Amino acid sequence: MSRDTDVLVLGGAGVDTIVYVPELPLPYADSYMVDSGIRTRAGQTGDFVALGLSALGLRTHHVDMLGDDPEGDLVRGLHHDNGIALTAVPQPAGTKRAVNLVGPDGRRLSLYDTSRSRPDDRLPESTIRALAESGRHAHVCITQPCAHALPVLRETGVTISTDLHDWDGENPYHEPFAYEADVVFLSAAALIAPEATMRRIAERGRAEVVVATAGAQGAHLLIDGELTRTPPVAPPAPVVDSNGAGDAFAAAFLFGWLRGEPPGRCALYGAIAGAHACTVPSTETAAIGRDELLARARELDATPSVQ
């Protein structure tokens, strides 16, 4: 079987409007003067994963539903400018969009426009099957309607990863993704018992690796029933924005995983890429490249404090 694509990314294409605010939570006021500007740019979770993978030299193809609207044009332009293949399935409801409020410490609050999807939306089975059969791996975003593509992906034999983001461990919407993926990423931020949730994912599903990122505390890895921790990596410049850090972590982890590297090494790559992403403003898209990632990993290998 021909495998012409390294990673097929499903879903998560859209547009964000970035607003830097003086603090989060933002106290009520009639108005705020925003001196850093307000900017709308292409880039939601699937876009950022695709950008991160492509910057690391992986052949990447992104598929999602896009509207025939200015937001869709921004997404198409982002992929064209970065040389990333894109299959855009028509979305009459319009391209996904959100507003991100970003505080001075880089934390983010996102407001998603749920009117841009419909319960009966589907990615065409024939399209997904053809794209998956020409790829090695599929990364599935939790946006509608990607859950419906999971059985088709499994039939094609590709390995699957997903990012549950800030799942609370209880919302049933996330469960098909959690239990069908071979590699599961999630944030520990909303989890009362991260280890218990990670073990439940592994026991009920088919995950070989479960990774719970914990920001400045590093990341937790569950492999073959053993829980280990990856220490955090210091950002190479001041932190300005956490937007896209989890997507960068996932992309760099998959870069290592698809090269056959040990999960601990993959997590180190993820931590490096996530730290890099925190130094990039939300208004920009600048993923870490392969040479920089590997050079930074070698530097950390030579630093006794991170061993």
Protein backbone atom coordinates (compact mmCIF):
# COMPACT_ATOMS: atom_id res chain seq x y z
CA MET A 1 0.00 0.00 0.00
CA SER A 2 1.39 3.40 -0.97
CA ARG A 3 1.94 5.75 1.95
CA ASP A 4 2.54 9.16 0.43
CA THR A 5 1.54 11.19 3.50
CA ASP A 6 3.08 10.92 6.94
CA VAL A 7 0.18 12.44 8.87
CA LEU A 8 -3.42 13.13 7.93
CA VAL A 9 -4.90 15.77 10.24
CA LEU A 10 -8.68 15.72 10.56
CA GLY A 11 -10.65 18.73 11.74
CA GLY A 12 -9.71 21.76 13.77
CA ALA A 13 -9.49 24.27 10.89
CA GLY A 14 -10.72 27.75 11.64
CA VAL A 15 -10.07 31.38 12.42
CA ASP A 16 -9.34 33.12 15.71
CA THR A 17 -9.73 36.76 16.66
CA ILE A 18 -7.01 37.57 19.21
CA VAL A 19 -7.59 40.20 21.89
CA TYR A 20 -4.90 40.92 24.49
CA VAL A 21 -6.61 41.96 27.73
CA PRO A 22 -5.14 43.52 30.90
CA GLU A 23 -6.08 40.53 33.07
CA LEU A 24 -7.99 37.25 33.22
CA PRO A 25 -10.67 36.87 34.38
CA LEU A 26 -11.66 40.18 32.86
CA PRO A 27 -13.73 42.29 35.27
CA TYR A 28 -16.92 43.77 33.92
CA ALA A 29 -16.59 47.24 32.42
CA ASP A 30 -18.44 49.21 29.79
CA SER A 31 -15.31 49.30 27.63
CA TYR A 32 -11.58 48.57 27.55
CA MET A 33 -8.85 50.27 25.56
CA VAL A 34 -6.75 47.55 23.92
CA ASP A 35 -3.41 49.07 22.99
CA SER A 36 -1.95 45.86 21.53
CA GLY A 37 -4.60 45.70 18.81
CA ILE A 38 -7.18 43.15 17.75
CA ARG A 39 -6.29 40.76 14.95
CA THR A 40 -8.10 37.98 13.14
CA ARG A 41 -5.91 35.23 11.72
CA ALA A 42 -6.26 31.65 10.52
CA GLY A 43 -5.24 28.95 12.94
CA GLN A 44 -7.13 26.66 15.30
CA THR A 45 -6.00 23.36 16.79
CA GLY A 46 -5.88 21.31 13.56
CA ASP A 47 -4.17 24.12 11.67
CA PHE A 48 -1.51 24.42 14.37
CA VAL A 49 -0.87 20.67 14.50
CA ALA A 50 -0.54 20.61 10.71
CA LEU A 51 1.83 23.59 10.79
CA GLY A 52 3.92 21.98 13.51
CA LEU A 53 4.18 18.66 11.69
CA SER A 54 5.05 20.30 8.39
CA ALA A 55 7.72 22.50 10.00
CA LEU A 56 9.34 19.32 11.32
CA GLY A 57 9.52 17.87 7.80
CA LEU A 58 6.58 15.50 7.93
CA ARG A 59 4.42 15.19 4.83
CA THR A 60 1.11 16.53 6.10
CA HIS A 61 -2.41 16.65 4.69
CA HIS A 62 -5.23 18.48 6.46
CA VAL A 63 -8.94 17.83 5.85
CA ASP A 64 -11.90 19.66 7.35
CA MET A 65 -15.11 21.48 6.50
CA LEU A 66 -14.68 25.12 5.42
CA GLY A 67 -17.14 27.77 4.39
CA ASP A 68 -17.09 29.84 1.22
CA ASP A 69 -16.40 32.93 3.29
CA PRO A 70 -13.54 35.29 4.25
CA GLU A 71 -12.61 33.04 7.18
CA GLY A 72 -12.31 30.06 4.87
CA ASP A 73 -10.11 32.09 2.55
CA LEU A 74 -7.79 32.84 5.47
CA VAL A 75 -7.47 29.13 6.27
CA ARG A 76 -6.84 28.24 2.63
CA GLY A 77 -4.22 30.99 2.43
CA LEU A 78 -2.44 29.75 5.56
CA HIS A 79 -2.08 26.25 4.10
CA HIS A 80 -1.06 27.52 0.67
CA ASP A 81 1.59 29.81 2.12
CA ASN A 82 3.07 26.99 4.21
CA GLY A 83 2.90 24.31 1.52
CA ILE A 84 0.43 22.10 3.42
CA ALA A 85 -2.03 20.05 1.40
CA LEU A 86 -5.63 20.87 2.29
CA THR A 87 -8.89 19.14 1.40
CA ALA A 88 -11.75 21.52 2.14
CA VAL A 89 -15.19 19.94 2.36
CA PRO A 90 -17.90 22.60 1.79
CA GLN A 91 -19.53 23.85 5.00
CA PRO A 92 -22.70 25.90 4.32
CA ALA A 93 -22.81 27.05 7.95
CA GLY A 94 -19.42 28.75 7.54
CA THR A 95 -15.87 28.32 8.73
CA LYS A 96 -15.27 27.74 12.44
CA ARG A 97 -14.28 30.85 14.36
CA ALA A 98 -13.45 31.87 17.89
CA VAL A 99 -12.36 34.83 19.99
CA ASN A 100 -9.30 34.34 22.20
CA LEU A 101 -8.77 36.64 25.17
CA VAL A 102 -5.10 36.52 26.16
CA GLY A 103 -3.86 37.80 29.53
CA PRO A 104 -0.45 39.34 30.32
CA ASP A 105 0.83 36.00 31.64
CA GLY A 106 -0.02 34.23 28.37
CA ARG A 107 -3.11 32.43 29.65
CA ARG A 108 -6.02 32.20 27.22
CA LEU A 109 -9.80 32.17 27.36
CA SER A 110 -11.48 31.02 24.13
CA LEU A 111 -15.04 31.79 23.00
CA TYR A 112 -16.14 29.36 20.27
CA ASP A 113 -18.91 30.13 17.79
CA THR A 114 -20.96 26.93 17.82
CA SER A 115 -23.26 28.18 15.05
CA ARG A 116 -20.62 27.16 12.49
CA SER A 117 -21.45 23.46 12.65
CA ARG A 118 -24.55 21.26 12.41
CA PRO A 119 -25.35 17.91 14.04
CA ASP A 120 -25.66 16.18 10.67
CA ASP A 121 -22.31 17.40 9.32
CA ARG A 122 -20.10 14.59 7.99
CA LEU A 123 -16.73 14.31 6.31
CA PRO A 124 -17.32 12.13 3.21
CA GLU A 125 -16.36 8.53 3.96
CA SER A 126 -14.84 8.04 0.51
CA THR A 127 -12.63 11.10 0.95
CA ILE A 128 -11.42 10.05 4.39
CA ARG A 129 -10.78 6.49 3.26
CA ALA A 130 -8.75 7.58 0.23
CA LEU A 131 -6.68 10.08 2.22
CA ALA A 132 -6.06 7.63 5.08
CA GLU A 133 -5.03 4.83 2.74
CA SER A 134 -2.29 7.05 1.35
CA GLY A 135 -1.01 7.98 4.82
CA ARG A 136 0.89 6.47 7.74
CA HIS A 137 -0.93 8.10 10.62
CA ALA A 138 -4.04 10.17 11.36
CA HIS A 139 -4.33 12.86 14.03
CA VAL A 140 -8.00 13.46 14.81
CA CYS A 141 -9.14 16.73 16.37
CA ILE A 142 -12.18 16.60 18.65
CA THR A 143 -14.14 19.08 16.56
CA GLN A 144 -17.42 18.09 14.94
CA PRO A 145 -17.79 15.90 12.84
CA CYS A 146 -14.50 14.03 13.25
CA ALA A 147 -15.79 11.34 15.62
CA HIS A 148 -17.79 9.87 12.73
CA ALA A 149 -14.56 9.30 10.78
CA LEU A 150 -12.92 7.14 13.47
CA PRO A 151 -14.35 3.75 12.29
CA VAL A 152 -13.25 4.43 8.71
CA LEU A 153 -9.75 5.37 9.84
CA ARG A 154 -9.49 2.20 11.89
CA GLU A 155 -10.51 0.10 8.88
CA THR A 156 -7.68 1.56 6.78
CA GLY A 157 -5.04 0.40 9.25
CA VAL A 158 -3.48 3.78 10.03
CA THR A 159 -2.46 4.53 13.59
CA ILE A 160 -4.50 7.27 15.27
CA SER A 161 -3.77 10.03 17.74
CA THR A 162 -6.05 12.63 19.30
CA ASP A 163 -5.89 15.54 21.73
CA LEU A 164 -8.69 15.73 24.30
CA HIS A 165 -7.50 19.20 25.41
CA ASP A 166 -9.05 20.24 28.74
CA TRP A 167 -11.32 17.18 29.12
CA ASP A 168 -12.71 16.84 32.62
CA GLY A 169 -12.65 13.05 32.40
CA GLU A 170 -16.45 12.86 32.45
CA ASN A 171 -17.90 14.55 29.34
CA PRO A 172 -19.07 11.65 27.11
CA TYR A 173 -18.41 13.65 23.92
CA HIS A 174 -14.67 12.96 24.25
CA GLU A 175 -14.93 9.23 24.87
CA PRO A 176 -14.96 7.96 21.24
CA PHE A 177 -11.73 9.87 20.63
CA ALA A 178 -10.14 8.74 23.90
CA TYR A 179 -10.91 5.06 23.38
CA GLU A 180 -10.15 4.73 19.64
CA ALA A 181 -6.74 6.43 19.51
CA ASP A 182 -3.36 4.73 19.79
CA VAL A 183 -1.79 7.90 21.21
CA VAL A 184 -3.91 10.15 23.44
CA PHE A 185 -2.94 13.66 24.51
CA LEU A 186 -4.83 15.69 27.07
CA SER A 187 -4.27 18.53 29.48
CA ALA A 188 -4.23 17.84 33.21
CA ALA A 189 -5.69 21.29 33.90
CA ALA A 190 -9.31 20.18 34.36
CA LEU A 191 -8.64 16.74 35.81
CA ILE A 192 -9.24 16.08 39.50
CA ALA A 193 -7.35 12.77 39.29
CA PRO A 194 -5.04 12.80 36.23
CA GLU A 195 -3.54 9.36 36.84
CA ALA A 196 -6.92 7.68 37.27
CA THR A 197 -8.20 9.28 34.07
CA MET A 198 -5.11 8.25 32.14
CA ARG A 199 -5.41 4.67 33.36
CA ARG A 200 -9.09 4.56 32.45
CA ILE A 201 -8.25 5.68 28.90
CA ALA A 202 -5.66 2.92 28.58
CA GLU A 203 -7.86 0.22 30.12
CA ARG A 204 -11.04 0.98 28.19
CA GLY A 205 -9.44 1.93 24.90
CA ARG A 206 -6.53 0.93 22.70
CA ALA A 207 -4.00 3.63 23.58
CA GLU A 208 -0.36 2.56 23.62
CA VAL A 209 0.62 5.91 25.11
CA VAL A 210 -1.38 8.43 27.14
CA VAL A 211 0.20 11.84 27.68
CA ALA A 212 -1.17 14.42 30.11
CA THR A 213 0.53 17.78 29.77
CA ALA A 214 0.76 19.93 32.89
CA GLY A 215 2.28 23.21 31.69
CA ALA A 216 5.15 24.37 33.89
CA GLN A 217 5.01 21.03 35.76
CA GLY A 218 5.98 19.05 32.67
CA ALA A 219 4.02 16.06 31.39
CA HIS A 220 2.88 12.64 32.64
CA LEU A 221 3.29 9.55 30.44
CA LEU A 222 1.46 6.27 30.84
CA ILE A 223 3.04 3.41 28.89
CA ASP A 224 2.33 -0.29 29.54
CA GLY A 225 0.82 0.55 32.91
CA GLU A 226 3.84 2.54 34.10
CA LEU A 227 3.43 6.22 34.88
CA THR A 228 6.45 8.46 34.43
CA ARG A 229 7.00 12.21 34.35
CA THR A 230 8.78 14.37 31.81
CA PRO A 231 10.21 17.53 33.40
CA PRO A 232 9.32 20.92 31.96
CA VAL A 233 11.58 22.70 29.49
CA ALA A 234 12.37 26.37 30.01
CA PRO A 235 11.16 28.58 27.15
CA PRO A 236 14.02 30.10 25.12
CA ALA A 237 12.50 33.60 25.45
CA PRO A 238 9.87 35.34 27.63
CA VAL A 239 6.44 33.69 27.67
CA VAL A 240 3.90 35.81 25.81
CA ASP A 241 1.12 33.40 24.90
CA SER A 242 0.13 29.81 25.66
CA ASN A 243 -2.07 29.53 22.57
CA GLY A 244 -0.98 26.57 20.44
CA ALA A 245 1.45 25.13 23.01
CA GLY A 246 -0.49 21.87 23.32
CA ASP A 247 -0.75 21.54 19.55
CA ALA A 248 3.01 22.10 19.24
CA PHE A 249 3.63 19.45 21.91
CA ALA A 250 1.48 16.93 20.04
CA ALA A 251 3.15 17.63 16.69
CA ALA A 252 6.67 17.25 18.06
CA PHE A 253 5.74 14.13 20.05
CA LEU A 254 4.34 12.55 16.87
CA PHE A 255 7.50 13.56 14.99
CA GLY A 256 9.51 11.40 17.39
CA TRP A 257 6.92 8.63 17.64
CA LEU A 258 6.77 8.18 13.85
CA ARG A 259 10.58 7.95 13.84
CA GLY A 260 10.36 5.05 16.28
CA GLU A 261 11.88 6.94 19.20
CA PRO A 262 11.09 6.01 22.84
CA PRO A 263 8.06 7.78 24.36
CA GLY A 264 10.26 9.64 26.84
CA ARG A 265 12.26 11.11 23.98
CA CYS A 266 9.06 11.99 22.13
CA ALA A 267 7.81 13.80 25.23
CA LEU A 268 11.06 15.77 25.42
CA TYR A 269 10.52 16.89 21.83
CA GLY A 270 6.97 17.86 22.75
CA ALA A 271 8.11 19.87 25.75
CA ILE A 272 10.67 21.74 23.66
CA ALA A 273 8.12 22.58 20.97
CA GLY A 274 5.49 23.58 23.52
CA ALA A 275 7.94 25.89 25.30
CA HIS A 276 8.87 27.45 21.97
CA ALA A 277 5.20 28.04 21.14
CA CYS A 278 4.74 29.97 24.39
CA THR A 279 7.21 32.59 23.12
CA VAL A 280 5.24 33.24 19.92
CA PRO A 281 2.34 35.75 20.04
CA SER A 282 -1.10 34.40 19.09
CA THR A 283 -1.16 36.82 16.19
CA GLU A 284 1.71 34.91 14.56
CA THR A 285 2.25 31.34 13.35
CA ALA A 286 5.86 30.26 13.79
CA ALA A 287 6.32 26.57 14.59
CA ILE A 288 9.71 25.22 15.63
CA GLY A 289 11.69 23.58 12.83
CA ARG A 290 13.38 20.18 12.80
CA ASP A 291 16.97 21.48 13.08
CA GLU A 292 16.13 23.76 16.00
CA LEU A 293 14.17 21.03 17.80
CA LEU A 294 16.96 18.46 17.50
CA ALA A 295 19.65 21.00 18.44
CA ARG A 296 17.71 22.02 21.54
CA ALA A 297 17.28 18.35 22.49
CA ARG A 298 21.03 17.79 22.20
CA GLU A 299 21.65 20.81 24.41
CA LEU A 300 19.32 19.43 27.06
CA ASP A 301 20.98 16.01 26.80
CA ALA A 302 24.24 17.69 27.75
CA THR A 303 22.69 19.51 30.72
CA PRO A 304 22.97 17.35 33.86
CA SER A 305 19.99 19.04 35.57
CA VAL A 306 17.52 17.62 33.02
CA GLN A 307 18.74 14.03 33.16
